[in-house]
Amino acid sequence: MTKIKVGCERMLKLHDTKEMVLGIVQHDPLFVALQQDPHLEETLYNDAYLAHIKESSYYSISEVAGWFDITDAKLRYYIKPFEQYIFNDATISPNTNIRLNLSAILRLRMILLLKDKHRVKGLKHLLEMDDNGQLPNHQITATTMTNDDLANKVDVLGNVLQQIIQTGLFTMQPNEEQGALQVAINQEFLTQKVQLLSAESSSFEDIQKETAELKQENENLQKQIQELQEGNVKTIVQKIRERHIENEIVSKLRTEALQQFSQERKVGFFAKMFRSSQIELEKEQFTLSYISKNLEERLEATLNNYYGK
């Protein structure tokens, strides 16, 4: 029981940690790249330091380097090209005593997880950094704040557009003047549907007539089914009652048979002691014979009385 409780608590803690991380990085371009590798993504959620870190606190280079099992110098090496990206909402003092909060630490962690695959140049490309390590204004906003409302609206519009395209009535075509895609009516699909509709309209009255006939047949079948169901219910109830009456009669006949057996065949004490198995066998045979002999007549009389015949 204790193991199960500990396991549940650990799962809840991992879930809370994942929610905390996603709340910070879900719109980050490096996180999008990280999601291509499920193993790296899980590493981001499951780092041990997340269990005790405080979102409002700031941590030194030495502390963070210890969490990631690398040297201070190596950590500084990867900080330098990405300072503007990492420290949007962290602080750097004039004496280069760098302090990092949770947001900065998560950005730095994604850099370290992706460095082997993308290198510094590839990471800068993902972040759209220029040669001086500067981010475009829109990119700074995207990495420092979330916009759930905008994301939800984009998802809704995307789903609506997908459903429109799936109808076949519209298609996506390039607009050479604007250099973008635009939604246009699928003329070929529209023509086919109009022709099909014209062909079907000629037999519309016949279809209506057949539909009415089928509806009437369906109503008749429903009535027949209902009558059969009602009849079956009555039959089942009747059989249950007859079985109950039969069981009562069998019980009474068994009692009569045992009483009659004990009166006709009185057995002494020693006979009961030494011939008990034989006596029980004879008693059972006598009882079965008595029931078999009287059951049909007694049952018929009881059922006639029950049904008022």
C-alpha atoms as a PDB file:
ATOM      1  CA  MET A   1       0.000   0.000   0.000  1.00  0.00           C
ATOM      2  CA  THR A   2       2.873   2.359   0.899  1.00  0.00           C
ATOM      3  CA  LYS A   3       4.595   1.655  -2.452  1.00  0.00           C
ATOM      4  CA  ILE A   4       1.396   2.449  -4.346  1.00  0.00           C
ATOM      5  CA  LYS A   5       0.971   5.695  -2.411  1.00  0.00           C
ATOM      6  CA  VAL A   6       4.589   6.717  -3.088  1.00  0.00           C
ATOM      7  CA  GLY A   7       4.190   5.834  -6.774  1.00  0.00           C
ATOM      8  CA  CYS A   8       1.025   7.953  -7.061  1.00  0.00           C
ATOM      9  CA  GLU A   9       2.692  10.896  -5.333  1.00  0.00           C
ATOM     10  CA  ARG A  10       5.658  10.655  -7.716  1.00  0.00           C
ATOM     11  CA  MET A  11       3.346  10.585 -10.768  1.00  0.00           C
ATOM     12  CA  LEU A  12       1.487  13.668  -9.503  1.00  0.00           C
ATOM     13  CA  LYS A  13       4.774  15.485  -8.886  1.00  0.00           C
ATOM     14  CA  LEU A  14       6.020  14.650 -12.409  1.00  0.00           C
ATOM     15  CA  HIS A  15       2.725  15.864 -13.842  1.00  0.00           C
ATOM     16  CA  ASP A  16       2.982  19.164 -11.933  1.00  0.00           C
ATOM     17  CA  THR A  17       6.606  19.595 -13.044  1.00  0.00           C
ATOM     18  CA  LYS A  18       5.687  18.993 -16.671  1.00  0.00           C
ATOM     19  CA  GLU A  19       2.848  21.526 -16.460  1.00  0.00           C
ATOM     20  CA  MET A  20       5.250  24.085 -14.967  1.00  0.00           C
ATOM     21  CA  VAL A  21       7.823  23.543 -17.738  1.00  0.00           C
ATOM     22  CA  LEU A  22       5.215  23.667 -20.512  1.00  0.00           C
ATOM     23  CA  GLY A  23       3.827  26.908 -19.132  1.00  0.00           C
ATOM     24  CA  ILE A  24       7.211  28.517 -19.808  1.00  0.00           C
ATOM     25  CA  VAL A  25       8.542  26.883 -23.001  1.00  0.00           C
ATOM     26  CA  GLN A  26       5.528  25.693 -25.002  1.00  0.00           C
ATOM     27  CA  HIS A  27       5.810  28.578 -27.518  1.00  0.00           C
ATOM     28  CA  ASP A  28       9.617  28.530 -27.682  1.00  0.00           C
ATOM     29  CA  PRO A  29      11.143  27.626 -31.105  1.00  0.00           C
ATOM     30  CA  LEU A  30      13.810  25.469 -29.434  1.00  0.00           C
ATOM     31  CA  PHE A  31      11.067  23.515 -27.644  1.00  0.00           C
ATOM     32  CA  VAL A  32       9.425  22.833 -31.011  1.00  0.00           C
ATOM     33  CA  ALA A  33      12.743  21.369 -32.208  1.00  0.00           C
ATOM     34  CA  LEU A  34      13.125  19.407 -28.958  1.00  0.00           C
ATOM     35  CA  GLN A  35       9.732  17.747 -29.433  1.00  0.00           C
ATOM     36  CA  GLN A  36      11.096  15.967 -32.499  1.00  0.00           C
ATOM     37  CA  ASP A  37      13.070  13.755 -30.095  1.00  0.00           C
ATOM     38  CA  PRO A  38      10.775  12.280 -27.369  1.00  0.00           C
ATOM     39  CA  HIS A  39      13.793  11.194 -25.281  1.00  0.00           C
ATOM     40  CA  LEU A  40      15.174  14.740 -25.091  1.00  0.00           C
ATOM     41  CA  GLU A  41      11.719  16.130 -24.359  1.00  0.00           C
ATOM     42  CA  GLU A  42      11.271  13.738 -21.424  1.00  0.00           C
ATOM     43  CA  THR A  43      14.733  14.697 -20.141  1.00  0.00           C
ATOM     44  CA  LEU A  44      13.618  18.341 -20.037  1.00  0.00           C
ATOM     45  CA  TYR A  45      10.615  17.396 -17.856  1.00  0.00           C
ATOM     46  CA  ASN A  46      12.420  14.927 -15.578  1.00  0.00           C
ATOM     47  CA  ASP A  47      15.605  16.782 -14.552  1.00  0.00           C
ATOM     48  CA  ALA A  48      16.127  16.294 -10.818  1.00  0.00           C
ATOM     49  CA  TYR A  49      16.612  20.007 -10.068  1.00  0.00           C
ATOM     50  CA  LEU A  50      12.974  20.714 -11.019  1.00  0.00           C
ATOM     51  CA  ALA A  51      11.776  18.945  -7.875  1.00  0.00           C
ATOM     52  CA  HIS A  52      13.144  21.639  -5.570  1.00  0.00           C
ATOM     53  CA  ILE A  53      13.634  24.749  -7.721  1.00  0.00           C
ATOM     54  CA  LYS A  54      11.629  27.899  -6.947  1.00  0.00           C
ATOM     55  CA  GLU A  55      10.251  29.917  -9.853  1.00  0.00           C
ATOM     56  CA  SER A  56      10.835  33.230  -8.099  1.00  0.00           C
ATOM     57  CA  SER A  57      14.461  32.529  -7.119  1.00  0.00           C
ATOM     58  CA  TYR A  58      17.728  33.142  -9.000  1.00  0.00           C
ATOM     59  CA  TYR A  59      20.641  30.699  -9.126  1.00  0.00           C
ATOM     60  CA  SER A  60      24.370  31.023  -9.797  1.00  0.00           C
ATOM     61  CA  ILE A  61      26.357  29.564 -12.684  1.00  0.00           C
ATOM     62  CA  SER A  62      28.003  27.064 -10.319  1.00  0.00           C
ATOM     63  CA  GLU A  63      24.659  25.758  -9.056  1.00  0.00           C
ATOM     64  CA  VAL A  64      23.225  25.342 -12.555  1.00  0.00           C
ATOM     65  CA  ALA A  65      26.419  23.736 -13.877  1.00  0.00           C
ATOM     66  CA  GLY A  66      26.250  21.211 -11.032  1.00  0.00           C
ATOM     67  CA  TRP A  67      22.659  20.329 -11.954  1.00  0.00           C
ATOM     68  CA  PHE A  68      23.641  19.689 -15.580  1.00  0.00           C
ATOM     69  CA  ASP A  69      26.884  17.889 -14.644  1.00  0.00           C
ATOM     70  CA  ILE A  70      29.180  20.207 -16.646  1.00  0.00           C
ATOM     71  CA  THR A  71      31.880  22.714 -15.722  1.00  0.00           C
ATOM     72  CA  ASP A  72      31.244  26.404 -15.115  1.00  0.00           C
ATOM     73  CA  ALA A  73      33.458  27.273 -18.075  1.00  0.00           C
ATOM     74  CA  LYS A  74      31.512  25.049 -20.468  1.00  0.00           C
ATOM     75  CA  LEU A  75      28.214  26.473 -19.270  1.00  0.00           C
ATOM     76  CA  ARG A  76      29.495  30.026 -19.830  1.00  0.00           C
ATOM     77  CA  TYR A  77      30.669  28.968 -23.313  1.00  0.00           C
ATOM     78  CA  TYR A  78      27.084  28.130 -24.317  1.00  0.00           C
ATOM     79  CA  ILE A  79      25.622  31.172 -22.566  1.00  0.00           C
ATOM     80  CA  LYS A  80      27.752  33.708 -24.444  1.00  0.00           C
ATOM     81  CA  PRO A  81      26.277  33.339 -27.994  1.00  0.00           C
ATOM     82  CA  PHE A  82      22.684  33.277 -26.680  1.00  0.00           C
ATOM     83  CA  GLU A  83      22.685  35.944 -23.959  1.00  0.00           C
ATOM     84  CA  GLN A  84      19.792  37.940 -25.390  1.00  0.00           C
ATOM     85  CA  TYR A  85      17.681  34.767 -25.778  1.00  0.00           C
ATOM     86  CA  ILE A  86      18.499  33.377 -22.318  1.00  0.00           C
ATOM     87  CA  PHE A  87      18.401  36.530 -20.202  1.00  0.00           C
ATOM     88  CA  ASN A  88      15.249  38.259 -21.340  1.00  0.00           C
ATOM     89  CA  ASP A  89      13.797  38.112 -17.833  1.00  0.00           C
ATOM     90  CA  ALA A  90      16.890  37.176 -15.777  1.00  0.00           C
ATOM     91  CA  THR A  91      19.587  39.464 -14.407  1.00  0.00           C
ATOM     92  CA  ILE A  92      23.278  40.017 -15.137  1.00  0.00           C
ATOM     93  CA  SER A  93      25.178  42.230 -12.719  1.00  0.00           C
ATOM     94  CA  PRO A  94      27.994  44.519 -13.915  1.00  0.00           C
ATOM     95  CA  ASN A  95      30.661  42.253 -12.387  1.00  0.00           C
ATOM     96  CA  THR A  96      29.435  39.360 -14.584  1.00  0.00           C
ATOM     97  CA  ASN A  97      28.022  37.535 -11.569  1.00  0.00           C
ATOM     98  CA  ILE A  98      25.310  35.866 -13.615  1.00  0.00           C
ATOM     99  CA  ARG A  99      22.114  34.815 -11.842  1.00  0.00           C
ATOM    100  CA  LEU A 100      19.511  32.705 -13.628  1.00  0.00           C
ATOM    101  CA  ASN A 101      15.839  32.189 -12.862  1.00  0.00           C
ATOM    102  CA  LEU A 102      13.746  29.195 -13.938  1.00  0.00           C
ATOM    103  CA  SER A 103      12.892  30.600 -17.384  1.00  0.00           C
ATOM    104  CA  ALA A 104      16.545  31.273 -18.182  1.00  0.00           C
ATOM    105  CA  ILE A 105      17.595  27.863 -16.843  1.00  0.00           C
ATOM    106  CA  LEU A 106      15.036  26.075 -19.046  1.00  0.00           C
ATOM    107  CA  ARG A 107      16.209  27.959 -22.166  1.00  0.00           C
ATOM    108  CA  LEU A 108      19.812  27.107 -21.330  1.00  0.00           C
ATOM    109  CA  ARG A 109      18.853  23.475 -20.735  1.00  0.00           C
ATOM    110  CA  MET A 110      17.234  23.253 -24.194  1.00  0.00           C
ATOM    111  CA  ILE A 111      20.400  24.672 -25.746  1.00  0.00           C
ATOM    112  CA  LEU A 112      22.488  21.995 -24.021  1.00  0.00           C
ATOM    113  CA  LEU A 113      20.098  19.207 -25.081  1.00  0.00           C
ATOM    114  CA  LEU A 114      20.089  20.325 -28.732  1.00  0.00           C
ATOM    115  CA  LYS A 115      23.741  21.385 -29.098  1.00  0.00           C
ATOM    116  CA  ASP A 116      25.030  18.020 -30.345  1.00  0.00           C
ATOM    117  CA  LYS A 117      22.477  17.853 -33.149  1.00  0.00           C
ATOM    118  CA  HIS A 118      22.270  21.496 -34.240  1.00  0.00           C
ATOM    119  CA  ARG A 119      25.521  23.089 -33.029  1.00  0.00           C
ATOM    120  CA  VAL A 120      25.652  26.785 -32.206  1.00  0.00           C
ATOM    121  CA  LYS A 121      25.021  27.856 -35.789  1.00  0.00           C
ATOM    122  CA  GLY A 122      21.950  25.651 -36.132  1.00  0.00           C
ATOM    123  CA  LEU A 123      20.509  26.867 -32.840  1.00  0.00           C
ATOM    124  CA  LYS A 124      20.938  30.482 -33.933  1.00  0.00           C
ATOM    125  CA  HIS A 125      19.118  29.628 -37.132  1.00  0.00           C
ATOM    126  CA  LEU A 126      16.210  28.124 -35.167  1.00  0.00           C
ATOM    127  CA  LEU A 127      16.022  31.311 -33.093  1.00  0.00           C
ATOM    128  CA  GLU A 128      16.384  33.534 -36.207  1.00  0.00           C
ATOM    129  CA  MET A 129      19.368  35.301 -34.634  1.00  0.00           C
ATOM    130  CA  ASP A 130      21.541  37.603 -36.716  1.00  0.00           C
ATOM    131  CA  ASP A 131      25.367  37.455 -36.841  1.00  0.00           C
ATOM    132  CA  ASN A 132      25.592  39.668 -33.734  1.00  0.00           C
ATOM    133  CA  GLY A 133      23.446  37.312 -31.672  1.00  0.00           C
ATOM    134  CA  GLN A 134      20.454  39.629 -31.763  1.00  0.00           C
ATOM    135  CA  LEU A 135      16.886  38.338 -31.850  1.00  0.00           C
ATOM    136  CA  PRO A 136      14.193  39.960 -33.994  1.00  0.00           C
ATOM    137  CA  ASN A 137      11.670  41.896 -31.899  1.00  0.00           C
ATOM    138  CA  HIS A 138       8.866  39.405 -32.507  1.00  0.00           C
ATOM    139  CA  GLN A 139      11.121  36.539 -31.434  1.00  0.00           C
ATOM    140  CA  ILE A 140      11.931  38.193 -28.105  1.00  0.00           C
ATOM    141  CA  THR A 141       8.243  38.454 -27.339  1.00  0.00           C
ATOM    142  CA  ALA A 142       7.610  34.842 -28.302  1.00  0.00           C
ATOM    143  CA  THR A 143      10.294  33.514 -25.931  1.00  0.00           C
ATOM    144  CA  THR A 144       9.357  35.624 -22.923  1.00  0.00           C
ATOM    145  CA  MET A 145       5.582  35.420 -22.784  1.00  0.00           C
ATOM    146  CA  THR A 146       2.795  33.016 -23.696  1.00  0.00           C
ATOM    147  CA  ASN A 147      -0.278  33.894 -25.695  1.00  0.00           C
ATOM    148  CA  ASP A 148      -2.761  31.132 -25.077  1.00  0.00           C
ATOM    149  CA  ASP A 149      -5.692  33.074 -26.499  1.00  0.00           C
ATOM    150  CA  LEU A 150      -3.912  33.657 -29.792  1.00  0.00           C
ATOM    151  CA  ALA A 151      -2.761  30.043 -29.971  1.00  0.00           C
ATOM    152  CA  ASN A 152      -6.297  28.810 -29.343  1.00  0.00           C
ATOM    153  CA  LYS A 153      -7.693  31.082 -32.030  1.00  0.00           C
ATOM    154  CA  VAL A 154      -5.086  29.847 -34.511  1.00  0.00           C
ATOM    155  CA  ASP A 155      -5.963  26.222 -33.670  1.00  0.00           C
ATOM    156  CA  VAL A 156      -9.692  26.899 -34.142  1.00  0.00           C
ATOM    157  CA  LEU A 157      -9.162  28.648 -37.478  1.00  0.00           C
ATOM    158  CA  GLY A 158      -6.860  25.842 -38.597  1.00  0.00           C
ATOM    159  CA  ASN A 159      -9.491  23.211 -37.770  1.00  0.00           C
ATOM    160  CA  VAL A 160     -12.220  25.197 -39.538  1.00  0.00           C
ATOM    161  CA  LEU A 161     -10.065  25.589 -42.646  1.00  0.00           C
ATOM    162  CA  GLN A 162      -9.250  21.873 -42.644  1.00  0.00           C
ATOM    163  CA  GLN A 163     -12.941  20.942 -42.442  1.00  0.00           C
ATOM    164  CA  ILE A 164     -13.748  23.341 -45.295  1.00  0.00           C
ATOM    165  CA  ILE A 165     -11.065  21.807 -47.507  1.00  0.00           C
ATOM    166  CA  GLN A 166     -12.232  18.252 -46.644  1.00  0.00           C
ATOM    167  CA  THR A 167     -15.681  18.954 -48.092  1.00  0.00           C
ATOM    168  CA  GLY A 168     -14.062  19.015 -51.544  1.00  0.00           C
ATOM    169  CA  LEU A 169     -15.917  22.186 -52.508  1.00  0.00           C
ATOM    170  CA  PHE A 170     -12.845  24.351 -51.888  1.00  0.00           C
ATOM    171  CA  THR A 171      -9.162  23.988 -52.647  1.00  0.00           C
ATOM    172  CA  MET A 172      -5.917  25.775 -51.794  1.00  0.00           C
ATOM    173  CA  GLN A 173      -4.287  27.562 -54.747  1.00  0.00           C
ATOM    174  CA  PRO A 174      -1.191  29.792 -54.928  1.00  0.00           C
ATOM    175  CA  ASN A 175      -1.753  33.518 -55.421  1.00  0.00           C
ATOM    176  CA  GLU A 176       1.087  34.648 -57.684  1.00  0.00           C
ATOM    177  CA  GLU A 177       0.497  38.344 -57.005  1.00  0.00           C
ATOM    178  CA  GLN A 178       0.592  38.070 -53.213  1.00  0.00           C
ATOM    179  CA  GLY A 179       2.965  35.088 -53.114  1.00  0.00           C
ATOM    180  CA  ALA A 180       0.689  33.136 -50.738  1.00  0.00           C
ATOM    181  CA  LEU A 181      -1.979  30.441 -50.760  1.00  0.00           C
ATOM    182  CA  GLN A 182      -5.659  31.302 -51.008  1.00  0.00           C
ATOM    183  CA  VAL A 183      -8.922  29.371 -50.738  1.00  0.00           C
ATOM    184  CA  ALA A 184     -10.742  28.956 -54.068  1.00  0.00           C
ATOM    185  CA  ILE A 185     -13.891  27.129 -55.214  1.00  0.00           C
ATOM    186  CA  ASN A 186     -13.229  23.708 -56.716  1.00  0.00           C
ATOM    187  CA  GLN A 187     -15.082  24.185 -60.026  1.00  0.00           C
ATOM    188  CA  GLU A 188     -14.696  20.573 -61.162  1.00  0.00           C
ATOM    189  CA  PHE A 189     -16.140  19.233 -57.902  1.00  0.00           C
ATOM    190  CA  LEU A 190     -18.999  21.762 -58.033  1.00  0.00           C
ATOM    191  CA  THR A 191     -19.892  20.801 -61.619  1.00  0.00           C
ATOM    192  CA  GLN A 192     -19.997  17.095 -60.734  1.00  0.00           C
ATOM    193  CA  LYS A 193     -22.317  17.719 -57.794  1.00  0.00           C
ATOM    194  CA  VAL A 194     -24.683  19.886 -59.893  1.00  0.00           C
ATOM    195  CA  GLN A 195     -24.890  17.210 -62.603  1.00  0.00           C
ATOM    196  CA  LEU A 196     -25.528  14.507 -60.023  1.00  0.00           C
ATOM    197  CA  LEU A 197     -28.255  16.573 -58.391  1.00  0.00           C
ATOM    198  CA  SER A 198     -29.962  17.151 -61.753  1.00  0.00           C
ATOM    199  CA  ALA A 199     -29.957  13.417 -62.527  1.00  0.00           C
ATOM    200  CA  GLU A 200     -31.397  12.569 -59.123  1.00  0.00           C
ATOM    201  CA  SER A 201     -34.137  15.221 -59.162  1.00  0.00           C
ATOM    202  CA  SER A 202     -36.029  13.410 -61.953  1.00  0.00           C
ATOM    203  CA  SER A 203     -36.682  10.437 -59.684  1.00  0.00           C
ATOM    204  CA  PHE A 204     -37.408  12.486 -56.571  1.00  0.00           C
ATOM    205  CA  GLU A 205     -41.172  11.737 -56.597  1.00  0.00           C
ATOM    206  CA  ASP A 206     -40.533   8.003 -56.929  1.00  0.00           C
ATOM    207  CA  ILE A 207     -38.156   8.145 -53.993  1.00  0.00           C
ATOM    208  CA  GLN A 208     -40.775   9.978 -51.898  1.00  0.00           C
ATOM    209  CA  LYS A 209     -43.374   7.332 -52.735  1.00  0.00           C
ATOM    210  CA  GLU A 210     -41.023   4.459 -51.878  1.00  0.00           C
ATOM    211  CA  THR A 211     -40.044   6.209 -48.653  1.00  0.00           C
ATOM    212  CA  ALA A 212     -43.707   6.498 -47.598  1.00  0.00           C
ATOM    213  CA  GLU A 213     -44.270   2.794 -48.339  1.00  0.00           C
ATOM    214  CA  LEU A 214     -41.203   1.788 -46.407  1.00  0.00           C
ATOM    215  CA  LYS A 215     -42.326   3.970 -43.496  1.00  0.00           C
ATOM    216  CA  GLN A 216     -45.728   2.226 -43.427  1.00  0.00           C
ATOM    217  CA  GLU A 217     -44.098  -1.219 -43.564  1.00  0.00           C
ATOM    218  CA  ASN A 218     -41.780  -0.231 -40.739  1.00  0.00           C
ATOM    219  CA  GLU A 219     -44.731   0.867 -38.577  1.00  0.00           C
ATOM    220  CA  ASN A 220     -46.499  -2.456 -39.209  1.00  0.00           C
ATOM    221  CA  LEU A 221     -43.365  -4.379 -38.283  1.00  0.00           C
ATOM    222  CA  GLN A 222     -42.984  -2.352 -35.094  1.00  0.00           C
ATOM    223  CA  LYS A 223     -46.557  -3.220 -34.069  1.00  0.00           C
ATOM    224  CA  GLN A 224     -45.955  -6.919 -34.727  1.00  0.00           C
ATOM    225  CA  ILE A 225     -42.723  -6.867 -32.748  1.00  0.00           C
ATOM    226  CA  GLN A 226     -44.435  -5.113 -29.839  1.00  0.00           C
ATOM    227  CA  GLU A 227     -47.259  -7.709 -29.809  1.00  0.00           C
ATOM    228  CA  LEU A 228     -44.733 -10.546 -29.856  1.00  0.00           C
ATOM    229  CA  GLN A 229     -42.763  -8.968 -27.022  1.00  0.00           C
ATOM    230  CA  GLU A 230     -45.889  -8.505 -24.911  1.00  0.00           C
ATOM    231  CA  GLY A 231     -46.923 -12.108 -25.608  1.00  0.00           C
ATOM    232  CA  ASN A 232     -43.458 -13.374 -24.673  1.00  0.00           C
ATOM    233  CA  VAL A 233     -43.521 -11.456 -21.401  1.00  0.00           C
ATOM    234  CA  LYS A 234     -46.868 -12.975 -20.465  1.00  0.00           C
ATOM    235  CA  THR A 235     -45.680 -16.456 -21.407  1.00  0.00           C
ATOM    236  CA  ILE A 236     -42.509 -16.067 -19.322  1.00  0.00           C
ATOM    237  CA  VAL A 237     -44.438 -14.835 -16.295  1.00  0.00           C
ATOM    238  CA  GLN A 238     -46.884 -17.715 -16.629  1.00  0.00           C
ATOM    239  CA  LYS A 239     -44.069 -20.293 -16.836  1.00  0.00           C
ATOM    240  CA  ILE A 240     -42.331 -18.806 -13.778  1.00  0.00           C
ATOM    241  CA  ARG A 241     -45.567 -18.993 -11.784  1.00  0.00           C
ATOM    242  CA  GLU A 242     -46.237 -22.595 -12.874  1.00  0.00           C
ATOM    243  CA  ARG A 243     -42.680 -23.575 -11.913  1.00  0.00           C
ATOM    244  CA  HIS A 244     -43.176 -21.971  -8.493  1.00  0.00           C
ATOM    245  CA  ILE A 245     -46.432 -23.905  -7.978  1.00  0.00           C
ATOM    246  CA  GLU A 246     -44.718 -27.133  -9.019  1.00  0.00           C
ATOM    247  CA  ASN A 247     -41.870 -26.543  -6.524  1.00  0.00           C
ATOM    248  CA  GLU A 248     -44.371 -25.933  -3.726  1.00  0.00           C
ATOM    249  CA  ILE A 249     -46.223 -29.183  -4.543  1.00  0.00           C
ATOM    250  CA  VAL A 250     -42.944 -31.162  -4.684  1.00  0.00           C
ATOM    251  CA  SER A 251     -41.973 -29.757  -1.286  1.00  0.00           C
ATOM    252  CA  LYS A 252     -45.327 -30.772   0.226  1.00  0.00           C
ATOM    253  CA  LEU A 253     -45.165 -34.279  -1.322  1.00  0.00           C
ATOM    254  CA  ARG A 254     -41.636 -34.751   0.065  1.00  0.00           C
ATOM    255  CA  THR A 255     -42.844 -33.834   3.553  1.00  0.00           C
ATOM    256  CA  GLU A 256     -45.793 -36.260   3.237  1.00  0.00           C
ATOM    257  CA  ALA A 257     -43.496 -39.025   1.990  1.00  0.00           C
ATOM    258  CA  LEU A 258     -41.069 -38.623   4.903  1.00  0.00           C
ATOM    259  CA  GLN A 259     -43.896 -38.670   7.438  1.00  0.00           C
ATOM    260  CA  GLN A 260     -45.431 -41.754   5.854  1.00  0.00           C
ATOM    261  CA  PHE A 261     -42.039 -43.523   5.702  1.00  0.00           C
ATOM    262  CA  SER A 262     -41.370 -42.885   9.398  1.00  0.00           C
ATOM    263  CA  GLN A 263     -44.820 -44.210  10.357  1.00  0.00           C
ATOM    264  CA  GLU A 264     -44.702 -47.340   8.184  1.00  0.00           C
ATOM    265  CA  ARG A 265     -41.108 -48.286   8.834  1.00  0.00           C
ATOM    266  CA  LYS A 266     -40.292 -47.625  12.444  1.00  0.00           C
ATOM    267  CA  VAL A 267     -36.613 -48.337  13.030  1.00  0.00           C
ATOM    268  CA  GLY A 268     -34.981 -49.083  16.365  1.00  0.00           C
ATOM    269  CA  PHE A 269     -31.982 -47.326  17.846  1.00  0.00           C
ATOM    270  CA  PHE A 270     -29.418 -50.026  16.981  1.00  0.00           C
ATOM    271  CA  ALA A 271     -30.774 -50.364  13.458  1.00  0.00           C
ATOM    272  CA  LYS A 272     -30.343 -46.608  12.960  1.00  0.00           C
ATOM    273  CA  MET A 273     -26.781 -46.849  14.253  1.00  0.00           C
ATOM    274  CA  PHE A 274     -25.574 -49.810  12.178  1.00  0.00           C
ATOM    275  CA  ARG A 275     -27.792 -49.495   9.081  1.00  0.00           C
ATOM    276  CA  SER A 276     -28.050 -45.694   8.773  1.00  0.00           C
ATOM    277  CA  SER A 277     -26.740 -45.566   5.173  1.00  0.00           C
ATOM    278  CA  GLN A 278     -29.136 -48.271   4.013  1.00  0.00           C
ATOM    279  CA  ILE A 279     -32.070 -46.604   5.791  1.00  0.00           C
ATOM    280  CA  GLU A 280     -31.305 -43.231   4.215  1.00  0.00           C
ATOM    281  CA  LEU A 281     -31.153 -44.855   0.777  1.00  0.00           C
ATOM    282  CA  GLU A 282     -34.501 -46.575   1.289  1.00  0.00           C
ATOM    283  CA  LYS A 283     -36.011 -43.296   2.586  1.00  0.00           C
ATOM    284  CA  GLU A 284     -34.854 -41.427  -0.517  1.00  0.00           C
ATOM    285  CA  GLN A 285     -36.173 -44.121  -2.862  1.00  0.00           C
ATOM    286  CA  PHE A 286     -39.535 -44.104  -1.059  1.00  0.00           C
ATOM    287  CA  THR A 287     -39.727 -40.280  -1.278  1.00  0.00           C
ATOM    288  CA  LEU A 288     -38.942 -40.180  -5.022  1.00  0.00           C
ATOM    289  CA  SER A 289     -41.478 -42.895  -5.719  1.00  0.00           C
ATOM    290  CA  TYR A 290     -44.140 -41.078  -3.697  1.00  0.00           C
ATOM    291  CA  ILE A 291     -43.512 -37.770  -5.515  1.00  0.00           C
ATOM    292  CA  SER A 292     -43.508 -39.409  -8.935  1.00  0.00           C
ATOM    293  CA  LYS A 293     -46.785 -41.167  -8.201  1.00  0.00           C
ATOM    294  CA  ASN A 294     -48.694 -38.109  -6.935  1.00  0.00           C
ATOM    295  CA  LEU A 295     -47.097 -35.105  -8.648  1.00  0.00           C
ATOM    296  CA  GLU A 296     -49.014 -35.064 -11.935  1.00  0.00           C
ATOM    297  CA  GLU A 297     -52.459 -35.394 -10.351  1.00  0.00           C
ATOM    298  CA  ARG A 298     -51.742 -32.851  -7.595  1.00  0.00           C
ATOM    299  CA  LEU A 299     -50.182 -30.348 -10.082  1.00  0.00           C
ATOM    300  CA  GLU A 300     -53.090 -30.603 -12.509  1.00  0.00           C
ATOM    301  CA  ALA A 301     -55.626 -29.969  -9.757  1.00  0.00           C
ATOM    302  CA  THR A 302     -53.683 -26.985  -8.405  1.00  0.00           C
ATOM    303  CA  LEU A 303     -53.219 -25.375 -11.846  1.00  0.00           C
ATOM    304  CA  ASN A 304     -56.924 -25.836 -12.693  1.00  0.00           C
ATOM    305  CA  ASN A 305     -57.795 -24.127  -9.446  1.00  0.00           C
ATOM    306  CA  TYR A 306     -55.275 -21.327 -10.117  1.00  0.00           C
ATOM    307  CA  TYR A 307     -56.616 -20.594 -13.641  1.00  0.00           C
ATOM    308  CA  GLY A 308     -60.262 -20.953 -12.469  1.00  0.00           C
ATOM    309  CA  LYS A 309     -61.136 -23.942 -14.639  1.00  0.00           C
END
